[in-house]
Each structure stands twice: as structure tokens, then as C-alpha cells.
Protein backbone atom coordinates (compact mmCIF):
# COMPACT_ATOMS: atom_id res chain seq x y z
CA MET A 1 -25.84 -41.07 0.27
CA GLN A 2 -27.97 -39.50 3.02
CA LYS A 3 -24.97 -37.58 4.37
CA LEU A 4 -24.27 -36.17 0.90
CA SER A 5 -27.92 -35.12 0.48
CA SER A 6 -27.78 -33.36 3.86
CA GLN A 7 -24.58 -31.52 2.94
CA ILE A 8 -26.07 -30.35 -0.36
CA ALA A 9 -29.24 -29.17 1.40
CA ASN A 10 -27.22 -27.34 4.08
CA ASN A 11 -24.98 -25.60 1.54
CA PHE A 12 -27.41 -24.83 -1.30
CA GLY A 13 -30.94 -25.43 0.03
CA THR A 14 -33.70 -27.27 -1.80
CA MET A 15 -33.37 -27.81 -5.55
CA LYS A 16 -36.03 -25.86 -7.42
CA GLU A 17 -35.07 -26.60 -11.03
CA LYS A 18 -32.34 -28.19 -13.13
CA LYS A 19 -31.30 -28.17 -16.75
CA LEU A 20 -28.82 -30.32 -18.64
CA VAL A 21 -26.54 -27.87 -20.46
CA VAL A 22 -23.57 -29.94 -21.67
CA LEU A 23 -23.02 -33.60 -22.53
CA GLU A 24 -19.42 -34.46 -23.43
CA LYS A 25 -18.37 -37.83 -24.82
CA PHE A 26 -14.77 -39.03 -24.42
CA ASP A 27 -12.97 -42.29 -25.18
CA GLN A 28 -12.58 -43.20 -21.51
CA GLY A 29 -15.94 -41.87 -20.27
CA ASP A 30 -18.44 -39.05 -20.36
CA ARG A 31 -19.19 -35.82 -18.51
CA VAL A 32 -22.53 -34.09 -17.98
CA THR A 33 -23.03 -30.55 -16.71
CA TYR A 34 -26.25 -29.22 -15.24
CA LEU A 35 -27.25 -25.74 -14.12
CA ALA A 36 -29.57 -25.89 -11.14
CA GLY A 37 -31.48 -23.40 -9.06
CA PHE A 38 -31.61 -23.90 -5.29
CA SER A 39 -33.42 -22.07 -2.51
CA LYS A 40 -30.21 -20.71 -0.91
CA THR A 41 -28.04 -20.37 -4.03
CA GLN A 42 -29.59 -19.15 -7.26
CA VAL A 43 -27.35 -20.94 -9.76
CA VAL A 44 -25.19 -24.00 -9.11
CA LYS A 45 -23.12 -25.84 -11.72
CA ILE A 46 -23.28 -29.60 -11.16
CA ILE A 47 -20.80 -31.79 -13.03
CA PHE A 48 -20.78 -35.58 -13.13
CA ALA A 49 -17.91 -37.54 -14.71
CA PHE A 50 -18.52 -41.15 -15.74
CA GLU A 51 -16.04 -43.93 -16.45
CA VAL A 52 -17.13 -46.69 -18.76
CA LYS A 53 -16.19 -50.09 -17.36
CA GLY A 54 -17.70 -52.92 -19.31
CA GLU A 55 -21.18 -51.97 -20.45
CA LYS A 56 -22.14 -49.82 -17.47
CA PRO A 57 -21.02 -46.20 -16.94
CA LEU A 58 -20.09 -45.46 -13.32
CA ILE A 59 -19.80 -42.05 -11.64
CA SER A 60 -16.12 -41.42 -11.03
CA GLU A 61 -16.27 -37.77 -9.90
CA PHE A 62 -18.80 -35.05 -9.25
CA ALA A 63 -18.77 -31.39 -8.22
CA PHE A 64 -21.28 -28.80 -7.06
CA ALA A 65 -20.09 -25.21 -7.55
CA PRO A 66 -22.06 -22.00 -7.02
CA VAL A 67 -22.02 -19.72 -10.06
CA GLU A 68 -21.61 -15.99 -9.50
CA LEU A 69 -23.20 -14.02 -12.31
CA LYS A 70 -23.20 -10.35 -13.16
CA LYS A 71 -26.65 -8.83 -13.62
CA ALA A 72 -26.24 -8.67 -17.43
CA GLU A 73 -25.59 -12.46 -17.58
CA TRP A 74 -28.87 -13.44 -15.90
CA SER A 75 -30.95 -13.09 -19.05
CA LYS A 76 -28.78 -15.67 -20.83
CA ILE A 77 -29.29 -18.19 -18.02
CA ILE A 78 -33.05 -17.59 -17.87
CA VAL A 79 -33.36 -18.15 -21.63
CA LEU A 80 -31.36 -21.37 -21.35
CA ILE A 81 -33.40 -22.75 -18.46
CA LYS A 82 -36.71 -21.94 -20.15
CA SER A 83 -35.64 -23.27 -23.55
CA PRO A 84 -38.27 -25.61 -25.05
CA LEU A 85 -35.59 -27.81 -26.61
CA TYR A 86 -35.11 -29.89 -23.48
CA LYS A 87 -37.34 -30.80 -20.57
CA SER A 88 -35.76 -31.46 -17.19
CA GLU A 89 -37.74 -34.67 -16.80
CA ASP A 90 -36.13 -36.05 -19.98
CA PHE A 91 -32.83 -36.50 -18.15
CA PHE A 92 -31.71 -38.75 -15.32
CA PHE A 93 -30.83 -36.85 -12.18
CA PHE A 94 -30.52 -37.94 -8.59
């Protein structure tokens, strides 16, 4: 886990903020998507896929992908991140 944390820090920097933007439920598992702001990369899409085995969901896949936005798209992201509907601390994130 430490090696993964180091790779993320080297590629994206320190996480400044995060926001859950999509929760998808499927028969075989679930997928959550976050938008996060880092010190080196302004917007990163983070996706976790979970398999449900027994009663406990387990992470089966994950991806960190920088998001390139045109200047006109920034206002949409800022509104989403500052939305009062959800608080970052309401969601599990590691």
C-alpha cells in the first residue's frame, strides 16, 4: 500500500479535495467515481470497482486518470465540488 501511495504522490501530488460524483450499482458489484484535486494535477478522476463476495464488497479494480478540461468546463466542476448536497467527509475514501 505504501508503494501505491508513493506512486500517487509522485504522479499527482498531495490530495487537496475530493468529491463523490457517481455511485453505480450492478448485480455483480458496484462502482464509485470521485473527482479529486491534487497539488500537481488539478482534476483527477478516481474510479473504484467493487465485487460483492458474500456480505463484504472487495475492491476488484481501481484507476486514477487526470482530466483535461477546457476553460469553459471549469465552472461546471467548481459548482459540483462546492455543492452543498454532499460533504466529502460523508464518504469513505482511502
